[in-house]
PDB file of N, CA and C in Angstrom:
ATOM      1  N   MET A   1       0.945  -0.042   9.203  1.00  0.00           N
ATOM      2  CA  MET A   1       1.925   1.211   9.391  1.00  0.00           C
ATOM      3  C   MET A   1       0.834   2.201   9.824  1.00  0.00           C
ATOM      4  N   GLU A   2       1.386   3.204  10.729  1.00  0.00           N
ATOM      5  CA  GLU A   2       0.737   4.198  11.419  1.00  0.00           C
ATOM      6  C   GLU A   2       1.423   5.511  11.069  1.00  0.00           C
ATOM      7  N   ARG A   3       0.495   6.373  10.761  1.00  0.00           N
ATOM      8  CA  ARG A   3       1.541   7.650  10.189  1.00  0.00           C
ATOM      9  C   ARG A   3       0.741   8.672  10.929  1.00  0.00           C
ATOM     10  N   ASN A   4       1.484   9.599  11.194  1.00  0.00           N
ATOM     11  CA  ASN A   4       0.891  11.155  11.932  1.00  0.00           C
ATOM     12  C   ASN A   4       1.239  12.014  11.030  1.00  0.00           C
ATOM     13  N   HIS A   5       0.308  12.767  10.286  1.00  0.00           N
ATOM     14  CA  HIS A   5       0.499  13.885   9.547  1.00  0.00           C
ATOM     15  C   HIS A   5      -0.288  15.090   9.807  1.00  0.00           C
ATOM     16  N   ARG A   6       0.428  16.213   9.733  1.00  0.00           N
ATOM     17  CA  ARG A   6      -0.037  17.584  10.259  1.00  0.00           C
ATOM     18  C   ARG A   6      -1.132  17.827   9.205  1.00  0.00           C
ATOM     19  N   SER A   7      -0.791  17.670   8.008  1.00  0.00           N
ATOM     20  CA  SER A   7      -1.861  18.199   7.157  1.00  0.00           C
ATOM     21  C   SER A   7      -2.788  16.896   6.461  1.00  0.00           C
ATOM     22  N   ARG A   8      -4.110  17.182   6.112  1.00  0.00           N
ATOM     23  CA  ARG A   8      -4.832  16.361   5.494  1.00  0.00           C
ATOM     24  C   ARG A   8      -4.591  16.319   3.729  1.00  0.00           C
ATOM     25  N   GLY A   9      -4.889  15.587   3.033  1.00  0.00           N
ATOM     26  CA  GLY A   9      -4.907  15.645   1.696  1.00  0.00           C
ATOM     27  C   GLY A   9      -4.462  14.368   1.034  1.00  0.00           C
ATOM     28  N   LEU A  10      -4.594  14.373  -0.192  1.00  0.00           N
ATOM     29  CA  LEU A  10      -4.251  13.537  -1.372  1.00  0.00           C
ATOM     30  C   LEU A  10      -2.617  12.817  -1.413  1.00  0.00           C
ATOM     31  N   TYR A  11      -2.408  11.926  -1.267  1.00  0.00           N
ATOM     32  CA  TYR A  11      -1.046  11.559  -1.356  1.00  0.00           C
ATOM     33  C   TYR A  11      -1.009  10.316  -2.380  1.00  0.00           C
ATOM     34  N   LEU A  12       0.334  10.036  -2.884  1.00  0.00           N
ATOM     35  CA  LEU A  12       0.548   9.201  -3.956  1.00  0.00           C
ATOM     36  C   LEU A  12       1.492   8.011  -3.058  1.00  0.00           C
ATOM     37  N   MET A  13       1.388   6.778  -2.429  1.00  0.00           N
ATOM     38  CA  MET A  13       1.925   5.793  -2.009  1.00  0.00           C
ATOM     39  C   MET A  13       2.510   5.061  -3.001  1.00  0.00           C
ATOM     40  N   SER A  14       3.676   4.789  -3.100  1.00  0.00           N
ATOM     41  CA  SER A  14       4.595   3.846  -3.905  1.00  0.00           C
ATOM     42  C   SER A  14       4.670   2.462  -3.041  1.00  0.00           C
ATOM     43  N   VAL A  15       4.612   1.452  -3.441  1.00  0.00           N
ATOM     44  CA  VAL A  15       4.624   0.181  -2.647  1.00  0.00           C
ATOM     45  C   VAL A  15       5.528  -0.682  -3.663  1.00  0.00           C
ATOM     46  N   ASP A  16       6.708  -0.840  -3.372  1.00  0.00           N
ATOM     47  CA  ASP A  16       7.603  -1.874  -3.958  1.00  0.00           C
ATOM     48  C   ASP A  16       7.550  -3.014  -3.430  1.00  0.00           C
ATOM     49  N   TYR A  17       7.383  -4.103  -4.249  1.00  0.00           N
ATOM     50  CA  TYR A  17       7.056  -5.556  -3.902  1.00  0.00           C
ATOM     51  C   TYR A  17       7.891  -6.656  -4.847  1.00  0.00           C
ATOM     52  N   GLN A  18       7.783  -7.811  -4.445  1.00  0.00           N
ATOM     53  CA  GLN A  18       8.432  -8.790  -5.031  1.00  0.00           C
ATOM     54  C   GLN A  18       7.395 -10.333  -4.527  1.00  0.00           C
ATOM     55  N   CYS A  19       7.226 -11.035  -5.753  1.00  0.00           N
ATOM     56  CA  CYS A  19       6.526 -12.245  -5.345  1.00  0.00           C
ATOM     57  C   CYS A  19       6.977 -13.422  -6.411  1.00  0.00           C
ATOM     58  N   ALA A  20       6.783 -14.517  -6.119  1.00  0.00           N
ATOM     59  CA  ALA A  20       7.118 -15.580  -6.729  1.00  0.00           C
ATOM     60  C   ALA A  20       6.068 -16.289  -7.703  1.00  0.00           C
ATOM     61  N   GLU A  21       5.009 -15.913  -7.086  1.00  0.00           N
ATOM     62  CA  GLU A  21       3.730 -16.535  -7.596  1.00  0.00           C
ATOM     63  C   GLU A  21       2.552 -15.744  -7.437  1.00  0.00           C
ATOM     64  N   ASN A  22       1.352 -15.697  -8.304  1.00  0.00           N
ATOM     65  CA  ASN A  22       0.340 -14.715  -8.245  1.00  0.00           C
ATOM     66  C   ASN A  22      -0.251 -14.642  -6.720  1.00  0.00           C
ATOM     67  N   ARG A  23      -0.329 -13.201  -6.330  1.00  0.00           N
ATOM     68  CA  ARG A  23      -0.737 -12.852  -4.885  1.00  0.00           C
ATOM     69  C   ARG A  23      -1.520 -11.751  -5.233  1.00  0.00           C
ATOM     70  N   GLU A  24      -2.467 -11.530  -3.915  1.00  0.00           N
ATOM     71  CA  GLU A  24      -3.254 -10.374  -3.772  1.00  0.00           C
ATOM     72  C   GLU A  24      -2.522  -9.583  -2.656  1.00  0.00           C
ATOM     73  N   LEU A  25      -2.974  -8.233  -2.833  1.00  0.00           N
ATOM     74  CA  LEU A  25      -2.366  -7.238  -2.117  1.00  0.00           C
ATOM     75  C   LEU A  25      -3.637  -6.168  -1.897  1.00  0.00           C
ATOM     76  N   ILE A  26      -4.155  -6.228  -0.588  1.00  0.00           N
ATOM     77  CA  ILE A  26      -5.186  -5.213  -0.196  1.00  0.00           C
ATOM     78  C   ILE A  26      -4.637  -4.188   0.349  1.00  0.00           C
ATOM     79  N   CYS A  27      -5.014  -2.886   0.131  1.00  0.00           N
ATOM     80  CA  CYS A  27      -4.566  -1.708   0.772  1.00  0.00           C
ATOM     81  C   CYS A  27      -5.696  -1.298   1.411  1.00  0.00           C
ATOM     82  N   GLN A  28      -5.676  -1.035   2.756  1.00  0.00           N
ATOM     83  CA  GLN A  28      -6.639  -0.339   3.731  1.00  0.00           C
ATOM     84  C   GLN A  28      -6.193   1.330   4.130  1.00  0.00           C
ATOM     85  N   VAL A  29      -6.845   2.312   4.104  1.00  0.00           N
ATOM     86  CA  VAL A  29      -6.480   3.481   4.828  1.00  0.00           C
ATOM     87  C   VAL A  29      -7.674   3.841   5.829  1.00  0.00           C
ATOM     88  N   ASN A  30      -7.248   3.618   6.908  1.00  0.00           N
ATOM     89  CA  ASN A  30      -8.051   4.177   7.995  1.00  0.00           C
ATOM     90  C   ASN A  30      -9.381   3.221   7.958  1.00  0.00           C
ATOM     91  N   GLY A  31      -9.059   1.795   7.417  1.00  0.00           N
ATOM     92  CA  GLY A  31     -10.367   0.807   7.819  1.00  0.00           C
ATOM     93  C   GLY A  31     -11.051   0.687   6.539  1.00  0.00           C
ATOM     94  N   VAL A  32     -10.763   1.761   5.338  1.00  0.00           N
ATOM     95  CA  VAL A  32     -11.455   1.784   4.223  1.00  0.00           C
ATOM     96  C   VAL A  32     -10.660   1.082   2.962  1.00  0.00           C
ATOM     97  N   VAL A  33     -11.074   0.142   2.351  1.00  0.00           N
ATOM     98  CA  VAL A  33     -10.253  -0.627   1.221  1.00  0.00           C
ATOM     99  C   VAL A  33      -9.987   0.352   0.135  1.00  0.00           C
ATOM    100  N   VAL A  34      -8.890   0.799  -0.407  1.00  0.00           N
ATOM    101  CA  VAL A  34      -8.606   1.765  -1.468  1.00  0.00           C
ATOM    102  C   VAL A  34      -8.133   1.267  -2.862  1.00  0.00           C
ATOM    103  N   LYS A  35      -7.631  -0.141  -2.608  1.00  0.00           N
ATOM    104  CA  LYS A  35      -7.081  -0.534  -3.711  1.00  0.00           C
ATOM    105  C   LYS A  35      -6.842  -1.993  -3.433  1.00  0.00           C
ATOM    106  N   ASN A  36      -7.182  -3.191  -4.646  1.00  0.00           N
ATOM    107  CA  ASN A  36      -6.547  -4.508  -4.475  1.00  0.00           C
ATOM    108  C   ASN A  36      -5.965  -4.471  -5.698  1.00  0.00           C
ATOM    109  N   VAL A  37      -4.610  -5.000  -5.460  1.00  0.00           N
ATOM    110  CA  VAL A  37      -3.543  -5.016  -6.234  1.00  0.00           C
ATOM    111  C   VAL A  37      -3.301  -6.701  -6.517  1.00  0.00           C
ATOM    112  N   GLU A  38      -3.267  -6.920  -7.728  1.00  0.00           N
ATOM    113  CA  GLU A  38      -3.104  -8.251  -8.444  1.00  0.00           C
ATOM    114  C   GLU A  38      -1.629  -8.282  -8.650  1.00  0.00           C
ATOM    115  N   ALA A  39      -0.658  -8.783  -7.809  1.00  0.00           N
ATOM    116  CA  ALA A  39       0.810  -8.879  -7.796  1.00  0.00           C
ATOM    117  C   ALA A  39       1.084 -10.291  -8.884  1.00  0.00           C
ATOM    118  N   HIS A  40       1.707 -10.195  -9.915  1.00  0.00           N
ATOM    119  CA  HIS A  40       2.226 -11.263 -10.719  1.00  0.00           C
ATOM    120  C   HIS A  40       3.535 -11.574 -10.388  1.00  0.00           C
ATOM    121  N   PRO A  41       4.265 -12.805 -10.746  1.00  0.00           N
ATOM    122  CA  PRO A  41       5.596 -13.245 -10.604  1.00  0.00           C
ATOM    123  C   PRO A  41       6.618 -12.100 -11.179  1.00  0.00           C
ATOM    124  N   ALA A  42       7.762 -11.996 -10.691  1.00  0.00           N
ATOM    125  CA  ALA A  42       8.639 -11.308 -11.434  1.00  0.00           C
ATOM    126  C   ALA A  42       9.978 -11.664 -10.800  1.00  0.00           C
ATOM    127  N   HIS A  43      10.951 -11.643 -11.386  1.00  0.00           N
ATOM    128  CA  HIS A  43      12.498 -11.605 -10.823  1.00  0.00           C
ATOM    129  C   HIS A  43      13.133 -10.143 -10.426  1.00  0.00           C
ATOM    130  N   GLU A  44      12.428  -9.209 -10.597  1.00  0.00           N
ATOM    131  CA  GLU A  44      12.583  -7.878 -10.023  1.00  0.00           C
ATOM    132  C   GLU A  44      11.604  -7.454  -9.213  1.00  0.00           C
ATOM    133  N   VAL A  45      12.103  -6.441  -8.508  1.00  0.00           N
ATOM    134  CA  VAL A  45      11.012  -5.560  -7.949  1.00  0.00           C
ATOM    135  C   VAL A  45      10.170  -4.972  -8.539  1.00  0.00           C
ATOM    136  N   ALA A  46       8.958  -5.043  -8.207  1.00  0.00           N
ATOM    137  CA  ALA A  46       7.634  -4.131  -9.082  1.00  0.00           C
ATOM    138  C   ALA A  46       7.122  -2.999  -8.050  1.00  0.00           C
ATOM    139  N   SER A  47       6.588  -2.177  -8.813  1.00  0.00           N
ATOM    140  CA  SER A  47       6.137  -1.041  -7.948  1.00  0.00           C
ATOM    141  C   SER A  47       4.443  -0.939  -8.140  1.00  0.00           C
ATOM    142  N   GLU A  48       3.854  -0.459  -7.294  1.00  0.00           N
ATOM    143  CA  GLU A  48       2.399   0.060  -7.590  1.00  0.00           C
ATOM    144  C   GLU A  48       2.004   1.431  -6.719  1.00  0.00           C
ATOM    145  N   GLN A  49       1.518   2.172  -7.687  1.00  0.00           N
ATOM    146  CA  GLN A  49       1.060   3.526  -7.133  1.00  0.00           C
ATOM    147  C   GLN A  49      -0.265   3.538  -6.651  1.00  0.00           C
ATOM    148  N   ILE A  50      -0.481   3.841  -5.552  1.00  0.00           N
ATOM    149  CA  ILE A  50      -1.854   3.985  -4.807  1.00  0.00           C
ATOM    150  C   ILE A  50      -2.090   5.358  -4.296  1.00  0.00           C
ATOM    151  N   GLU A  51      -3.144   5.856  -4.865  1.00  0.00           N
ATOM    152  CA  GLU A  51      -3.486   7.226  -4.460  1.00  0.00           C
ATOM    153  C   GLU A  51      -4.338   6.971  -3.095  1.00  0.00           C
ATOM    154  N   ILE A  52      -3.862   8.031  -2.032  1.00  0.00           N
ATOM    155  CA  ILE A  52      -4.680   7.845  -0.832  1.00  0.00           C
ATOM    156  C   ILE A  52      -4.888   9.055  -0.287  1.00  0.00           C
ATOM    157  N   ARG A  53      -6.118   9.137   0.732  1.00  0.00           N
ATOM    158  CA  ARG A  53      -6.400  10.547   1.230  1.00  0.00           C
ATOM    159  C   ARG A  53      -6.083  10.233   2.824  1.00  0.00           C
ATOM    160  N   LEU A  54      -5.478  11.139   3.190  1.00  0.00           N
ATOM    161  CA  LEU A  54      -4.783  11.150   4.881  1.00  0.00           C
ATOM    162  C   LEU A  54      -5.856  12.200   5.318  1.00  0.00           C
ATOM    163  N   LYS A  55      -6.221  12.010   6.723  1.00  0.00           N
ATOM    164  CA  LYS A  55      -6.628  13.021   7.583  1.00  0.00           C
ATOM    165  C   LYS A  55      -5.705  13.596   8.448  1.00  0.00           C
ATOM    166  N   PRO A  56      -5.928  14.994   9.017  1.00  0.00           N
ATOM    167  CA  PRO A  56      -4.527  15.337  10.087  1.00  0.00           C
ATOM    168  C   PRO A  56      -4.722  14.348  11.077  1.00  0.00           C
ATOM    169  N   GLY A  57      -3.593  14.501  11.880  1.00  0.00           N
ATOM    170  CA  GLY A  57      -3.206  13.552  12.957  1.00  0.00           C
ATOM    171  C   GLY A  57      -2.975  11.987  12.381  1.00  0.00           C
ATOM    172  N   MET A  58      -3.028  11.039  13.392  1.00  0.00           N
ATOM    173  CA  MET A  58      -2.827   9.709  13.156  1.00  0.00           C
ATOM    174  C   MET A  58      -3.653   8.940  11.926  1.00  0.00           C
ATOM    175  N   ASN A  59      -3.071   8.325  11.019  1.00  0.00           N
ATOM    176  CA  ASN A  59      -3.461   7.469  10.002  1.00  0.00           C
ATOM    177  C   ASN A  59      -3.158   5.892  10.199  1.00  0.00           C
ATOM    178  N   ARG A  60      -4.015   5.200   9.854  1.00  0.00           N
ATOM    179  CA  ARG A  60      -3.537   3.588   9.614  1.00  0.00           C
ATOM    180  C   ARG A  60      -3.627   3.055   8.302  1.00  0.00           C
ATOM    181  N   ILE A  61      -2.416   2.745   7.735  1.00  0.00           N
ATOM    182  CA  ILE A  61      -2.349   2.192   6.219  1.00  0.00           C
ATOM    183  C   ILE A  61      -1.972   0.873   6.769  1.00  0.00           C
ATOM    184  N   ARG A  62      -2.989  -0.266   6.394  1.00  0.00           N
ATOM    185  CA  ARG A  62      -2.721  -1.535   6.289  1.00  0.00           C
ATOM    186  C   ARG A  62      -2.841  -2.167   4.990  1.00  0.00           C
ATOM    187  N   LEU A  63      -1.682  -2.822   4.678  1.00  0.00           N
ATOM    188  CA  LEU A  63      -1.410  -4.053   3.577  1.00  0.00           C
ATOM    189  C   LEU A  63      -1.690  -5.329   3.970  1.00  0.00           C
ATOM    190  N   SER A  64      -2.694  -6.272   3.367  1.00  0.00           N
ATOM    191  CA  SER A  64      -2.870  -7.365   3.914  1.00  0.00           C
ATOM    192  C   SER A  64      -3.470  -8.346   2.749  1.00  0.00           C
ATOM    193  N   ASN A  65      -3.660  -9.787   3.000  1.00  0.00           N
ATOM    194  CA  ASN A  65      -4.392 -10.576   2.341  1.00  0.00           C
ATOM    195  C   ASN A  65      -4.961 -11.598   3.201  1.00  0.00           C
ATOM    196  N   GLY A  66      -6.199 -11.529   3.345  1.00  0.00           N
ATOM    197  CA  GLY A  66      -6.977 -12.201   4.611  1.00  0.00           C
ATOM    198  C   GLY A  66      -6.807 -13.618   4.077  1.00  0.00           C
ATOM    199  N   ASN A  67      -6.687 -14.247   2.939  1.00  0.00           N
ATOM    200  CA  ASN A  67      -7.010 -15.512   2.492  1.00  0.00           C
ATOM    201  C   ASN A  67      -5.603 -16.186   2.108  1.00  0.00           C
ATOM    202  N   SER A  68      -4.595 -15.403   1.986  1.00  0.00           N
ATOM    203  CA  SER A  68      -3.288 -16.185   1.222  1.00  0.00           C
ATOM    204  C   SER A  68      -2.211 -15.378   1.789  1.00  0.00           C
ATOM    205  N   TRP A  69      -0.909 -15.727   1.358  1.00  0.00           N
ATOM    206  CA  TRP A  69       0.163 -15.022   1.357  1.00  0.00           C
ATOM    207  C   TRP A  69       0.202 -13.788   0.384  1.00  0.00           C
ATOM    208  N   MET A  70       0.538 -12.717   0.918  1.00  0.00           N
ATOM    209  CA  MET A  70       0.654 -11.351  -0.059  1.00  0.00           C
ATOM    210  C   MET A  70       1.979 -11.140  -0.443  1.00  0.00           C
ATOM    211  N   PRO A  71       2.322 -10.264  -1.511  1.00  0.00           N
ATOM    212  CA  PRO A  71       3.708 -10.192  -1.985  1.00  0.00           C
ATOM    213  C   PRO A  71       4.610  -9.645  -0.831  1.00  0.00           C
ATOM    214  N   ASP A  72       6.072 -10.205  -0.974  1.00  0.00           N
ATOM    215  CA  ASP A  72       6.751  -9.321   0.095  1.00  0.00           C
ATOM    216  C   ASP A  72       6.925  -8.011  -0.281  1.00  0.00           C
ATOM    217  N   ILE A  73       6.913  -7.147   0.757  1.00  0.00           N
ATOM    218  CA  ILE A  73       6.970  -5.662   0.713  1.00  0.00           C
ATOM    219  C   ILE A  73       8.441  -5.178   0.719  1.00  0.00           C
ATOM    220  N   ASP A  74       8.869  -4.426   0.093  1.00  0.00           N
ATOM    221  CA  ASP A  74      10.525  -4.096   0.114  1.00  0.00           C
ATOM    222  C   ASP A  74      10.512  -2.540   0.614  1.00  0.00           C
ATOM    223  N   ARG A  75       9.440  -1.743   0.116  1.00  0.00           N
ATOM    224  CA  ARG A  75       9.762  -0.166   0.361  1.00  0.00           C
ATOM    225  C   ARG A  75       8.145   0.234   0.270  1.00  0.00           C
ATOM    226  N   MET A  76       7.943   1.354   1.113  1.00  0.00           N
ATOM    227  CA  MET A  76       6.699   2.184   0.853  1.00  0.00           C
ATOM    228  C   MET A  76       7.041   3.653   1.029  1.00  0.00           C
ATOM    229  N   VAL A  77       6.602   4.426  -0.133  1.00  0.00           N
ATOM    230  CA  VAL A  77       7.023   6.064   0.074  1.00  0.00           C
ATOM    231  C   VAL A  77       5.620   6.798  -0.108  1.00  0.00           C
ATOM    232  N   LEU A  78       5.473   7.657   0.868  1.00  0.00           N
ATOM    233  CA  LEU A  78       4.316   8.654   0.576  1.00  0.00           C
ATOM    234  C   LEU A  78       4.893   9.965  -0.002  1.00  0.00           C
ATOM    235  N   GLN A  79       4.385  10.757  -0.887  1.00  0.00           N
ATOM    236  CA  GLN A  79       4.399  11.863  -1.375  1.00  0.00           C
ATOM    237  C   GLN A  79       3.234  12.571  -1.497  1.00  0.00           C
ATOM    238  N   LYS A  80       3.140  13.900  -1.160  1.00  0.00           N
ATOM    239  CA  LYS A  80       1.932  14.808  -1.468  1.00  0.00           C
ATOM    240  C   LYS A  80       2.016  15.045  -2.709  1.00  0.00           C
ATOM    241  N   LYS A  81       0.637  14.918  -3.086  1.00  0.00           N
ATOM    242  CA  LYS A  81      -0.010  15.299  -4.550  1.00  0.00           C
ATOM    243  C   LYS A  81      -0.239  16.937  -4.606  1.00  0.00           C
TER     244      LYS A  81
END
């Protein structure tokens, strides 16, 4: 996801996800790993809060897992801290 912000600063990103087995989710902001999330099986949508720092202008937020499947992402929400 690319995000264009007028102001830099600290944001709280909520990532809602679901998975049927243990999976890992790696969150990168502008090429820097900010958090590794260990997701566990659940029958309901789970949520992870990730604190990120954005710069003015274009920012790239990447959720990935280079070795296996990652959890199914339901929603991402950014809130200024």
